[in-house]
Amino acid sequence: MKPTLSSIEKQLLDFAKARDWDQYHSPKNIAMALSVEAAELVEIFQWKTEAQSASLNEQELRAARHEIADVFLYLLTISRVLGIDILGAAQEKLELNAQKYPVESK
């Protein structure tokens, strides 16, 4: 069965609560951890050409998958801590971007 956003959020919350990690989950700490994980994703592509970055080997692809998951999990965590509906925020941002960057007529 494919996971849902709410099932991942629950697993993540249960994981943190079982380890008493909520005490460390301030917005500042989560934002910093998110930045570190994003940098670890960038590191996979550092010094690669455009072509190389588009054709990762199996080990690099696995590493990228794990770093993307880390970034995603921290985004879910900071959204929960700040009381932000992440899907609603994403929808709102897409709408704002559509207004800011309208399709140009040719």
PDB file of N, CA and C in Angstrom:
ATOM      1  N   MET A   1       0.842  -1.183   0.000  1.00  0.00           N
ATOM      2  CA  MET A   1       0.000   0.000   0.000  1.00  0.00           C
ATOM      3  C   MET A   1       0.887   1.246   0.000  1.00  0.00           C
ATOM      4  N   LYS A   2       0.568   2.166  -0.881  1.00  0.00           N
ATOM      5  CA  LYS A   2       1.343   3.400  -1.015  1.00  0.00           C
ATOM      6  C   LYS A   2       1.050   4.326   0.170  1.00  0.00           C
ATOM      7  N   PRO A   3       2.102   4.905   0.755  1.00  0.00           N
ATOM      8  CA  PRO A   3       1.879   5.794   1.904  1.00  0.00           C
ATOM      9  C   PRO A   3       1.176   7.081   1.482  1.00  0.00           C
ATOM     10  N   THR A   4       0.446   7.662   2.420  1.00  0.00           N
ATOM     11  CA  THR A   4      -0.197   8.954   2.205  1.00  0.00           C
ATOM     12  C   THR A   4       0.588  10.008   2.981  1.00  0.00           C
ATOM     13  N   LEU A   5       0.323  11.251   2.675  1.00  0.00           N
ATOM     14  CA  LEU A   5       0.986  12.327   3.407  1.00  0.00           C
ATOM     15  C   LEU A   5       0.668  12.226   4.895  1.00  0.00           C
ATOM     16  N   SER A   6      -0.583  11.969   5.224  1.00  0.00           N
ATOM     17  CA  SER A   6      -0.948  11.899   6.645  1.00  0.00           C
ATOM     18  C   SER A   6      -0.314  10.699   7.337  1.00  0.00           C
ATOM     19  N   SER A   7      -0.149   9.572   6.629  1.00  0.00           N
ATOM     20  CA  SER A   7       0.496   8.413   7.262  1.00  0.00           C
ATOM     21  C   SER A   7       1.981   8.683   7.507  1.00  0.00           C
ATOM     22  N   ILE A   8       2.629   9.382   6.590  1.00  0.00           N
ATOM     23  CA  ILE A   8       4.040   9.749   6.778  1.00  0.00           C
ATOM     24  C   ILE A   8       4.164  10.743   7.933  1.00  0.00           C
ATOM     25  N   GLU A   9       3.262  11.718   7.982  1.00  0.00           N
ATOM     26  CA  GLU A   9       3.290  12.696   9.076  1.00  0.00           C
ATOM     27  C   GLU A   9       3.122  12.008  10.431  1.00  0.00           C
ATOM     28  N   LYS A  10       2.220  11.031  10.499  1.00  0.00           N
ATOM     29  CA  LYS A  10       2.002  10.307  11.754  1.00  0.00           C
ATOM     30  C   LYS A  10       3.230   9.490  12.131  1.00  0.00           C
ATOM     31  N   GLN A  11       3.809   8.781  11.172  1.00  0.00           N
ATOM     32  CA  GLN A  11       5.028   8.008  11.440  1.00  0.00           C
ATOM     33  C   GLN A  11       6.140   8.917  11.954  1.00  0.00           C
ATOM     34  N   LEU A  12       6.285  10.057  11.322  1.00  0.00           N
ATOM     35  CA  LEU A  12       7.327  11.012  11.687  1.00  0.00           C
ATOM     36  C   LEU A  12       7.110  11.538  13.105  1.00  0.00           C
ATOM     37  N   LEU A  13       5.876  11.880  13.426  1.00  0.00           N
ATOM     38  CA  LEU A  13       5.551  12.373  14.761  1.00  0.00           C
ATOM     39  C   LEU A  13       5.783  11.286  15.810  1.00  0.00           C
ATOM     40  N   ASP A  14       5.323  10.068  15.525  1.00  0.00           N
ATOM     41  CA  ASP A  14       5.521   8.946  16.450  1.00  0.00           C
ATOM     42  C   ASP A  14       7.003   8.669  16.667  1.00  0.00           C
ATOM     43  N   PHE A  15       7.781   8.738  15.597  1.00  0.00           N
ATOM     44  CA  PHE A  15       9.227   8.511  15.664  1.00  0.00           C
ATOM     45  C   PHE A  15       9.877   9.520  16.610  1.00  0.00           C
ATOM     46  N   ALA A  16       9.538  10.798  16.437  1.00  0.00           N
ATOM     47  CA  ALA A  16      10.129  11.857  17.269  1.00  0.00           C
ATOM     48  C   ALA A  16       9.669  11.743  18.721  1.00  0.00           C
ATOM     49  N   LYS A  17       8.384  11.455  18.923  1.00  0.00           N
ATOM     50  CA  LYS A  17       7.864  11.351  20.291  1.00  0.00           C
ATOM     51  C   LYS A  17       8.485  10.179  21.031  1.00  0.00           C
ATOM     52  N   ALA A  18       8.667   9.054  20.361  1.00  0.00           N
ATOM     53  CA  ALA A  18       9.254   7.872  20.997  1.00  0.00           C
ATOM     54  C   ALA A  18      10.670   8.146  21.479  1.00  0.00           C
ATOM     55  N   ARG A  19      11.345   9.072  20.842  1.00  0.00           N
ATOM     56  CA  ARG A  19      12.731   9.400  21.185  1.00  0.00           C
ATOM     57  C   ARG A  19      12.843  10.697  21.989  1.00  0.00           C
ATOM     58  N   ASP A  20      11.693  11.294  22.296  1.00  0.00           N
ATOM     59  CA  ASP A  20      11.634  12.562  23.027  1.00  0.00           C
ATOM     60  C   ASP A  20      12.418  13.659  22.308  1.00  0.00           C
ATOM     61  N   TRP A  21      12.294  13.687  20.991  1.00  0.00           N
ATOM     62  CA  TRP A  21      13.024  14.666  20.186  1.00  0.00           C
ATOM     63  C   TRP A  21      12.268  15.970  19.997  1.00  0.00           C
ATOM     64  N   ASP A  22      10.991  16.006  20.350  1.00  0.00           N
ATOM     65  CA  ASP A  22      10.235  17.249  20.162  1.00  0.00           C
ATOM     66  C   ASP A  22      10.878  18.420  20.901  1.00  0.00           C
ATOM     67  N   GLN A  23      11.560  18.126  21.991  1.00  0.00           N
ATOM     68  CA  GLN A  23      12.215  19.189  22.752  1.00  0.00           C
ATOM     69  C   GLN A  23      13.276  19.919  21.931  1.00  0.00           C
ATOM     70  N   TYR A  24      13.773  19.266  20.893  1.00  0.00           N
ATOM     71  CA  TYR A  24      14.807  19.869  20.037  1.00  0.00           C
ATOM     72  C   TYR A  24      14.229  20.470  18.751  1.00  0.00           C
ATOM     73  N   HIS A  25      12.935  20.287  18.544  1.00  0.00           N
ATOM     74  CA  HIS A  25      12.331  20.670  17.272  1.00  0.00           C
ATOM     75  C   HIS A  25      11.788  22.096  17.284  1.00  0.00           C
ATOM     76  N   SER A  26      12.658  23.035  17.585  1.00  0.00           N
ATOM     77  CA  SER A  26      12.281  24.446  17.448  1.00  0.00           C
ATOM     78  C   SER A  26      12.357  24.796  15.960  1.00  0.00           C
ATOM     79  N   PRO A  27      11.622  25.806  15.527  1.00  0.00           N
ATOM     80  CA  PRO A  27      11.723  26.207  14.119  1.00  0.00           C
ATOM     81  C   PRO A  27      13.162  26.489  13.692  1.00  0.00           C
ATOM     82  N   LYS A  28      13.936  27.136  14.558  1.00  0.00           N
ATOM     83  CA  LYS A  28      15.337  27.444  14.234  1.00  0.00           C
ATOM     84  C   LYS A  28      16.136  26.166  13.995  1.00  0.00           C
ATOM     85  N   ASN A  29      16.024  25.213  14.904  1.00  0.00           N
ATOM     86  CA  ASN A  29      16.790  23.970  14.767  1.00  0.00           C
ATOM     87  C   ASN A  29      16.382  23.178  13.533  1.00  0.00           C
ATOM     88  N   ILE A  30      15.087  23.128  13.287  1.00  0.00           N
ATOM     89  CA  ILE A  30      14.617  22.375  12.123  1.00  0.00           C
ATOM     90  C   ILE A  30      15.061  23.058  10.835  1.00  0.00           C
ATOM     91  N   ALA A  31      14.974  24.379  10.782  1.00  0.00           N
ATOM     92  CA  ALA A  31      15.415  25.106   9.585  1.00  0.00           C
ATOM     93  C   ALA A  31      16.898  24.873   9.320  1.00  0.00           C
ATOM     94  N   MET A  32      17.693  24.863  10.372  1.00  0.00           N
ATOM     95  CA  MET A  32      19.129  24.612  10.190  1.00  0.00           C
ATOM     96  C   MET A  32      19.372  23.182   9.713  1.00  0.00           C
ATOM     97  N   ALA A  33      18.672  22.216  10.298  1.00  0.00           N
ATOM     98  CA  ALA A  33      18.830  20.822   9.879  1.00  0.00           C
ATOM     99  C   ALA A  33      18.380  20.641   8.431  1.00  0.00           C
ATOM    100  N   LEU A  34      17.310  21.323   8.054  1.00  0.00           N
ATOM    101  CA  LEU A  34      16.823  21.279   6.679  1.00  0.00           C
ATOM    102  C   LEU A  34      17.877  21.805   5.717  1.00  0.00           C
ATOM    103  N   SER A  35      18.522  22.882   6.090  1.00  0.00           N
ATOM    104  CA  SER A  35      19.583  23.462   5.269  1.00  0.00           C
ATOM    105  C   SER A  35      20.746  22.487   5.094  1.00  0.00           C
ATOM    106  N   VAL A  36      21.102  21.794   6.158  1.00  0.00           N
ATOM    107  CA  VAL A  36      22.193  20.810   6.092  1.00  0.00           C
ATOM    108  C   VAL A  36      21.822  19.677   5.140  1.00  0.00           C
ATOM    109  N   GLU A  37      20.601  19.176   5.256  1.00  0.00           N
ATOM    110  CA  GLU A  37      20.177  18.076   4.380  1.00  0.00           C
ATOM    111  C   GLU A  37      20.118  18.526   2.921  1.00  0.00           C
ATOM    112  N   ALA A  38      19.657  19.751   2.677  1.00  0.00           N
ATOM    113  CA  ALA A  38      19.641  20.274   1.305  1.00  0.00           C
ATOM    114  C   ALA A  38      21.058  20.379   0.759  1.00  0.00           C
ATOM    115  N   ALA A  39      21.997  20.794   1.606  1.00  0.00           N
ATOM    116  CA  ALA A  39      23.401  20.876   1.185  1.00  0.00           C
ATOM    117  C   ALA A  39      23.963  19.494   0.876  1.00  0.00           C
ATOM    118  N   GLU A  40      23.538  18.482   1.628  1.00  0.00           N
ATOM    119  CA  GLU A  40      23.991  17.120   1.349  1.00  0.00           C
ATOM    120  C   GLU A  40      23.462  16.639   0.000  1.00  0.00           C
ATOM    121  N   LEU A  41      22.265  17.069  -0.376  1.00  0.00           N
ATOM    122  CA  LEU A  41      21.737  16.757  -1.704  1.00  0.00           C
ATOM    123  C   LEU A  41      22.563  17.459  -2.778  1.00  0.00           C
ATOM    124  N   VAL A  42      22.866  18.721  -2.574  1.00  0.00           N
ATOM    125  CA  VAL A  42      23.680  19.490  -3.519  1.00  0.00           C
ATOM    126  C   VAL A  42      25.046  18.843  -3.703  1.00  0.00           C
ATOM    127  N   GLU A  43      25.602  18.332  -2.621  1.00  0.00           N
ATOM    128  CA  GLU A  43      26.932  17.725  -2.663  1.00  0.00           C
ATOM    129  C   GLU A  43      27.009  16.561  -3.657  1.00  0.00           C
ATOM    130  N   ILE A  44      25.916  15.851  -3.833  1.00  0.00           N
ATOM    131  CA  ILE A  44      25.886  14.734  -4.787  1.00  0.00           C
ATOM    132  C   ILE A  44      26.163  15.233  -6.205  1.00  0.00           C
ATOM    133  N   PHE A  45      25.713  16.436  -6.515  1.00  0.00           N
ATOM    134  CA  PHE A  45      25.835  16.985  -7.866  1.00  0.00           C
ATOM    135  C   PHE A  45      27.044  17.905  -8.048  1.00  0.00           C
ATOM    136  N   GLN A  46      27.697  18.219  -6.953  1.00  0.00           N
ATOM    137  CA  GLN A  46      28.833  19.145  -7.018  1.00  0.00           C
ATOM    138  C   GLN A  46      29.886  18.613  -7.984  1.00  0.00           C
ATOM    139  N   TRP A  47      30.358  19.469  -8.842  1.00  0.00           N
ATOM    140  CA  TRP A  47      31.426  19.204  -9.810  1.00  0.00           C
ATOM    141  C   TRP A  47      31.007  18.281 -10.950  1.00  0.00           C
ATOM    142  N   LYS A  48      29.744  17.945 -11.057  1.00  0.00           N
ATOM    143  CA  LYS A  48      29.288  17.142 -12.196  1.00  0.00           C
ATOM    144  C   LYS A  48      28.873  18.075 -13.331  1.00  0.00           C
ATOM    145  N   THR A  49      29.014  17.586 -14.540  1.00  0.00           N
ATOM    146  CA  THR A  49      28.497  18.330 -15.685  1.00  0.00           C
ATOM    147  C   THR A  49      26.976  18.175 -15.705  1.00  0.00           C
ATOM    148  N   GLU A  50      26.315  18.935 -16.561  1.00  0.00           N
ATOM    149  CA  GLU A  50      24.862  18.796 -16.707  1.00  0.00           C
ATOM    150  C   GLU A  50      24.507  17.358 -17.087  1.00  0.00           C
ATOM    151  N   ALA A  51      25.252  16.798 -18.035  1.00  0.00           N
ATOM    152  CA  ALA A  51      24.987  15.424 -18.486  1.00  0.00           C
ATOM    153  C   ALA A  51      25.209  14.419 -17.357  1.00  0.00           C
ATOM    154  N   GLN A  52      26.284  14.576 -16.615  1.00  0.00           N
ATOM    155  CA  GLN A  52      26.560  13.656 -15.505  1.00  0.00           C
ATOM    156  C   GLN A  52      25.487  13.757 -14.419  1.00  0.00           C
ATOM    157  N   SER A  53      25.021  14.965 -14.179  1.00  0.00           N
ATOM    158  CA  SER A  53      24.011  15.147 -13.130  1.00  0.00           C
ATOM    159  C   SER A  53      22.672  14.514 -13.512  1.00  0.00           C
ATOM    160  N   ALA A  54      22.447  14.339 -14.805  1.00  0.00           N
ATOM    161  CA  ALA A  54      21.204  13.736 -15.287  1.00  0.00           C
ATOM    162  C   ALA A  54      21.292  12.221 -15.409  1.00  0.00           C
ATOM    163  N   SER A  55      22.467  11.657 -15.174  1.00  0.00           N
ATOM    164  CA  SER A  55      22.619  10.196 -15.294  1.00  0.00           C
ATOM    165  C   SER A  55      23.433   9.658 -14.117  1.00  0.00           C
ATOM    166  N   LEU A  56      22.841   9.731 -12.943  1.00  0.00           N
ATOM    167  CA  LEU A  56      23.509   9.261 -11.734  1.00  0.00           C
ATOM    168  C   LEU A  56      23.621   7.741 -11.736  1.00  0.00           C
ATOM    169  N   ASN A  57      24.695   7.242 -11.141  1.00  0.00           N
ATOM    170  CA  ASN A  57      24.809   5.789 -11.001  1.00  0.00           C
ATOM    171  C   ASN A  57      23.905   5.332  -9.849  1.00  0.00           C
ATOM    172  N   GLU A  58      23.823   4.035  -9.659  1.00  0.00           N
ATOM    173  CA  GLU A  58      22.900   3.479  -8.668  1.00  0.00           C
ATOM    174  C   GLU A  58      23.182   3.988  -7.249  1.00  0.00           C
ATOM    175  N   GLN A  59      24.440   4.056  -6.888  1.00  0.00           N
ATOM    176  CA  GLN A  59      24.817   4.525  -5.548  1.00  0.00           C
ATOM    177  C   GLN A  59      24.459   6.005  -5.369  1.00  0.00           C
ATOM    178  N   GLU A  60      24.727   6.821  -6.382  1.00  0.00           N
ATOM    179  CA  GLU A  60      24.410   8.249  -6.312  1.00  0.00           C
ATOM    180  C   GLU A  60      22.898   8.471  -6.266  1.00  0.00           C
ATOM    181  N   LEU A  61      22.172   7.675  -7.047  1.00  0.00           N
ATOM    182  CA  LEU A  61      20.718   7.796  -7.069  1.00  0.00           C
ATOM    183  C   LEU A  61      20.120   7.423  -5.711  1.00  0.00           C
ATOM    184  N   ARG A  62      20.651   6.391  -5.091  1.00  0.00           N
ATOM    185  CA  ARG A  62      20.199   5.992  -3.756  1.00  0.00           C
ATOM    186  C   ARG A  62      20.490   7.110  -2.750  1.00  0.00           C
ATOM    187  N   ALA A  63      21.682   7.687  -2.832  1.00  0.00           N
ATOM    188  CA  ALA A  63      22.041   8.790  -1.932  1.00  0.00           C
ATOM    189  C   ALA A  63      21.116   9.989  -2.150  1.00  0.00           C
ATOM    190  N   ALA A  64      20.828  10.315  -3.408  1.00  0.00           N
ATOM    191  CA  ALA A  64      19.923  11.427  -3.719  1.00  0.00           C
ATOM    192  C   ALA A  64      18.531  11.146  -3.167  1.00  0.00           C
ATOM    193  N   ARG A  65      18.055   9.926  -3.341  1.00  0.00           N
ATOM    194  CA  ARG A  65      16.732   9.545  -2.833  1.00  0.00           C
ATOM    195  C   ARG A  65      16.671   9.753  -1.314  1.00  0.00           C
ATOM    196  N   HIS A  66      17.725   9.336  -0.612  1.00  0.00           N
ATOM    197  CA  HIS A  66      17.748   9.482   0.847  1.00  0.00           C
ATOM    198  C   HIS A  66      17.812  10.946   1.275  1.00  0.00           C
ATOM    199  N   GLU A  67      18.594  11.754   0.576  1.00  0.00           N
ATOM    200  CA  GLU A  67      18.687  13.177   0.934  1.00  0.00           C
ATOM    201  C   GLU A  67      17.384  13.909   0.623  1.00  0.00           C
ATOM    202  N   ILE A  68      16.751  13.563  -0.494  1.00  0.00           N
ATOM    203  CA  ILE A  68      15.447  14.160  -0.823  1.00  0.00           C
ATOM    204  C   ILE A  68      14.433  13.812   0.261  1.00  0.00           C
ATOM    205  N   ALA A  69      14.460  12.565   0.718  1.00  0.00           N
ATOM    206  CA  ALA A  69      13.556  12.151   1.800  1.00  0.00           C
ATOM    207  C   ALA A  69      13.846  12.933   3.077  1.00  0.00           C
ATOM    208  N   ASP A  70      15.119  13.126   3.402  1.00  0.00           N
ATOM    209  CA  ASP A  70      15.473  13.901   4.593  1.00  0.00           C
ATOM    210  C   ASP A  70      14.929  15.325   4.506  1.00  0.00           C
ATOM    211  N   VAL A  71      15.095  15.959   3.356  1.00  0.00           N
ATOM    212  CA  VAL A  71      14.585  17.321   3.155  1.00  0.00           C
ATOM    213  C   VAL A  71      13.064  17.334   3.322  1.00  0.00           C
ATOM    214  N   PHE A  72      12.402  16.377   2.707  1.00  0.00           N
ATOM    215  CA  PHE A  72      10.942  16.275   2.779  1.00  0.00           C
ATOM    216  C   PHE A  72      10.470  16.105   4.227  1.00  0.00           C
ATOM    217  N   LEU A  73      11.139  15.230   4.966  1.00  0.00           N
ATOM    218  CA  LEU A  73      10.743  14.977   6.353  1.00  0.00           C
ATOM    219  C   LEU A  73      10.950  16.213   7.229  1.00  0.00           C
ATOM    220  N   TYR A  74      12.024  16.943   6.993  1.00  0.00           N
ATOM    221  CA  TYR A  74      12.221  18.186   7.752  1.00  0.00           C
ATOM    222  C   TYR A  74      11.197  19.248   7.351  1.00  0.00           C
ATOM    223  N   LEU A  75      10.802  19.284   6.084  1.00  0.00           N
ATOM    224  CA  LEU A  75       9.748  20.217   5.668  1.00  0.00           C
ATOM    225  C   LEU A  75       8.434  19.883   6.369  1.00  0.00           C
ATOM    226  N   LEU A  76       8.118  18.596   6.460  1.00  0.00           N
ATOM    227  CA  LEU A  76       6.907  18.193   7.180  1.00  0.00           C
ATOM    228  C   LEU A  76       6.998  18.585   8.651  1.00  0.00           C
ATOM    229  N   THR A  77       8.167  18.389   9.241  1.00  0.00           N
ATOM    230  CA  THR A  77       8.342  18.700  10.661  1.00  0.00           C
ATOM    231  C   THR A  77       8.199  20.192  10.931  1.00  0.00           C
ATOM    232  N   ILE A  78       8.869  21.016  10.142  1.00  0.00           N
ATOM    233  CA  ILE A  78       8.777  22.461  10.394  1.00  0.00           C
ATOM    234  C   ILE A  78       7.366  22.975  10.107  1.00  0.00           C
ATOM    235  N   SER A  79       6.699  22.384   9.134  1.00  0.00           N
ATOM    236  CA  SER A  79       5.310  22.765   8.860  1.00  0.00           C
ATOM    237  C   SER A  79       4.424  22.449  10.060  1.00  0.00           C
ATOM    238  N   ARG A  80       4.616  21.268  10.645  1.00  0.00           N
ATOM    239  CA  ARG A  80       3.829  20.884  11.824  1.00  0.00           C
ATOM    240  C   ARG A  80       4.112  21.825  12.991  1.00  0.00           C
ATOM    241  N   VAL A  81       5.377  22.081  13.257  1.00  0.00           N
ATOM    242  CA  VAL A  81       5.762  22.928  14.394  1.00  0.00           C
ATOM    243  C   VAL A  81       5.198  24.345  14.247  1.00  0.00           C
ATOM    244  N   LEU A  82       5.187  24.859  13.019  1.00  0.00           N
ATOM    245  CA  LEU A  82       4.689  26.221  12.784  1.00  0.00           C
ATOM    246  C   LEU A  82       3.183  26.276  12.525  1.00  0.00           C
ATOM    247  N   GLY A  83       2.538  25.097  12.446  1.00  0.00           N
ATOM    248  CA  GLY A  83       1.102  25.066  12.193  1.00  0.00           C
ATOM    249  C   GLY A  83       0.733  25.433  10.771  1.00  0.00           C
ATOM    250  N   ILE A  84       1.602  25.094   9.829  1.00  0.00           N
ATOM    251  CA  ILE A  84       1.375  25.406   8.416  1.00  0.00           C
ATOM    252  C   ILE A  84       0.892  24.157   7.688  1.00  0.00           C
ATOM    253  N   ASP A  85      -0.204  24.292   6.960  1.00  0.00           N
ATOM    254  CA  ASP A  85      -0.693  23.217   6.094  1.00  0.00           C
ATOM    255  C   ASP A  85       0.208  23.204   4.862  1.00  0.00           C
ATOM    256  N   ILE A  86       1.078  22.211   4.767  1.00  0.00           N
ATOM    257  CA  ILE A  86       2.098  22.204   3.711  1.00  0.00           C
ATOM    258  C   ILE A  86       1.479  22.109   2.317  1.00  0.00           C
ATOM    259  N   LEU A  87       0.415  21.323   2.169  1.00  0.00           N
ATOM    260  CA  LEU A  87      -0.225  21.228   0.852  1.00  0.00           C
ATOM    261  C   LEU A  87      -0.936  22.528   0.499  1.00  0.00           C
ATOM    262  N   GLY A  88      -1.588  23.136   1.472  1.00  0.00           N
ATOM    263  CA  GLY A  88      -2.230  24.429   1.241  1.00  0.00           C
ATOM    264  C   GLY A  88      -1.213  25.504   0.893  1.00  0.00           C
ATOM    265  N   ALA A  89      -0.076  25.483   1.586  1.00  0.00           N
ATOM    266  CA  ALA A  89       0.987  26.454   1.307  1.00  0.00           C
ATOM    267  C   ALA A  89       1.550  26.255  -0.096  1.00  0.00           C
ATOM    268  N   ALA A  90       1.720  24.991  -0.500  1.00  0.00           N
ATOM    269  CA  ALA A  90       2.236  24.705  -1.843  1.00  0.00           C
ATOM    270  C   ALA A  90       1.252  25.184  -2.905  1.00  0.00           C
ATOM    271  N   GLN A  91      -0.040  24.927  -2.688  1.00  0.00           N
ATOM    272  CA  GLN A  91      -1.063  25.371  -3.641  1.00  0.00           C
ATOM    273  C   GLN A  91      -1.080  26.893  -3.741  1.00  0.00           C
ATOM    274  N   GLU A  92      -1.026  27.553  -2.595  1.00  0.00           N
ATOM    275  CA  GLU A  92      -1.002  29.015  -2.571  1.00  0.00           C
ATOM    276  C   GLU A  92       0.210  29.554  -3.330  1.00  0.00           C
ATOM    277  N   LYS A  93       1.365  28.940  -3.128  1.00  0.00           N
ATOM    278  CA  LYS A  93       2.591  29.409  -3.789  1.00  0.00           C
ATOM    279  C   LYS A  93       2.518  29.190  -5.295  1.00  0.00           C
ATOM    280  N   LEU A  94       1.950  28.063  -5.723  1.00  0.00           N
ATOM    281  CA  LEU A  94       1.777  27.836  -7.164  1.00  0.00           C
ATOM    282  C   LEU A  94       0.891  28.913  -7.783  1.00  0.00           C
ATOM    283  N   GLU A  95      -0.165  29.278  -7.078  1.00  0.00           N
ATOM    284  CA  GLU A  95      -1.061  30.328  -7.573  1.00  0.00           C
ATOM    285  C   GLU A  95      -0.354  31.680  -7.618  1.00  0.00           C
ATOM    286  N   LEU A  96       0.420  31.987  -6.592  1.00  0.00           N
ATOM    287  CA  LEU A  96       1.186  33.243  -6.584  1.00  0.00           C
ATOM    288  C   LEU A  96       2.208  33.266  -7.722  1.00  0.00           C
ATOM    289  N   ASN A  97       2.881  32.138  -7.946  1.00  0.00           N
ATOM    290  CA  ASN A  97       3.862  32.061  -9.037  1.00  0.00           C
ATOM    291  C   ASN A  97       3.199  32.225 -10.401  1.00  0.00           C
ATOM    292  N   ALA A  98       1.990  31.683 -10.560  1.00  0.00           N
ATOM    293  CA  ALA A  98       1.273  31.828 -11.830  1.00  0.00           C
ATOM    294  C   ALA A  98       0.958  33.297 -12.102  1.00  0.00           C
ATOM    295  N   GLN A  99       0.646  34.047 -11.061  1.00  0.00           N
ATOM    296  CA  GLN A  99       0.390  35.481 -11.221  1.00  0.00           C
ATOM    297  C   GLN A  99       1.681  36.249 -11.479  1.00  0.00           C
ATOM    298  N   LYS A 100       2.718  35.863 -10.781  1.00  0.00           N
ATOM    299  CA  LYS A 100       4.000  36.567 -10.886  1.00  0.00           C
ATOM    300  C   LYS A 100       4.692  36.296 -12.217  1.00  0.00           C
ATOM    301  N   TYR A 101       4.522  35.095 -12.732  1.00  0.00           N
ATOM    302  CA  TYR A 101       5.182  34.681 -13.973  1.00  0.00           C
ATOM    303  C   TYR A 101       4.140  34.198 -14.979  1.00  0.00           C
ATOM    304  N   PRO A 102       3.363  35.116 -15.551  1.00  0.00           N
ATOM    305  CA  PRO A 102       2.332  34.692 -16.507  1.00  0.00           C
ATOM    306  C   PRO A 102       2.966  34.120 -17.776  1.00  0.00           C
ATOM    307  N   VAL A 103       2.198  33.275 -18.441  1.00  0.00           N
ATOM    308  CA  VAL A 103       2.654  32.702 -19.703  1.00  0.00           C
ATOM    309  C   VAL A 103       2.749  33.825 -20.724  1.00  0.00           C
ATOM    310  N   GLU A 104       3.896  33.893 -21.383  1.00  0.00           N
ATOM    311  CA  GLU A 104       4.101  34.939 -22.381  1.00  0.00           C
ATOM    312  C   GLU A 104       3.552  34.489 -23.722  1.00  0.00           C
ATOM    313  N   SER A 105       2.858  35.393 -24.384  1.00  0.00           N
ATOM    314  CA  SER A 105       2.346  35.103 -25.727  1.00  0.00           C
ATOM    315  C   SER A 105       3.487  35.145 -26.718  1.00  0.00           C
ATOM    316  N   LYS A 106       3.405  34.278 -27.720  1.00  0.00           N
ATOM    317  CA  LYS A 106       4.465  34.248 -28.733  1.00  0.00           C
ATOM    318  C   LYS A 106       4.007  34.889 -30.000  1.00  0.00           C
TER     319      LYS A 106
END
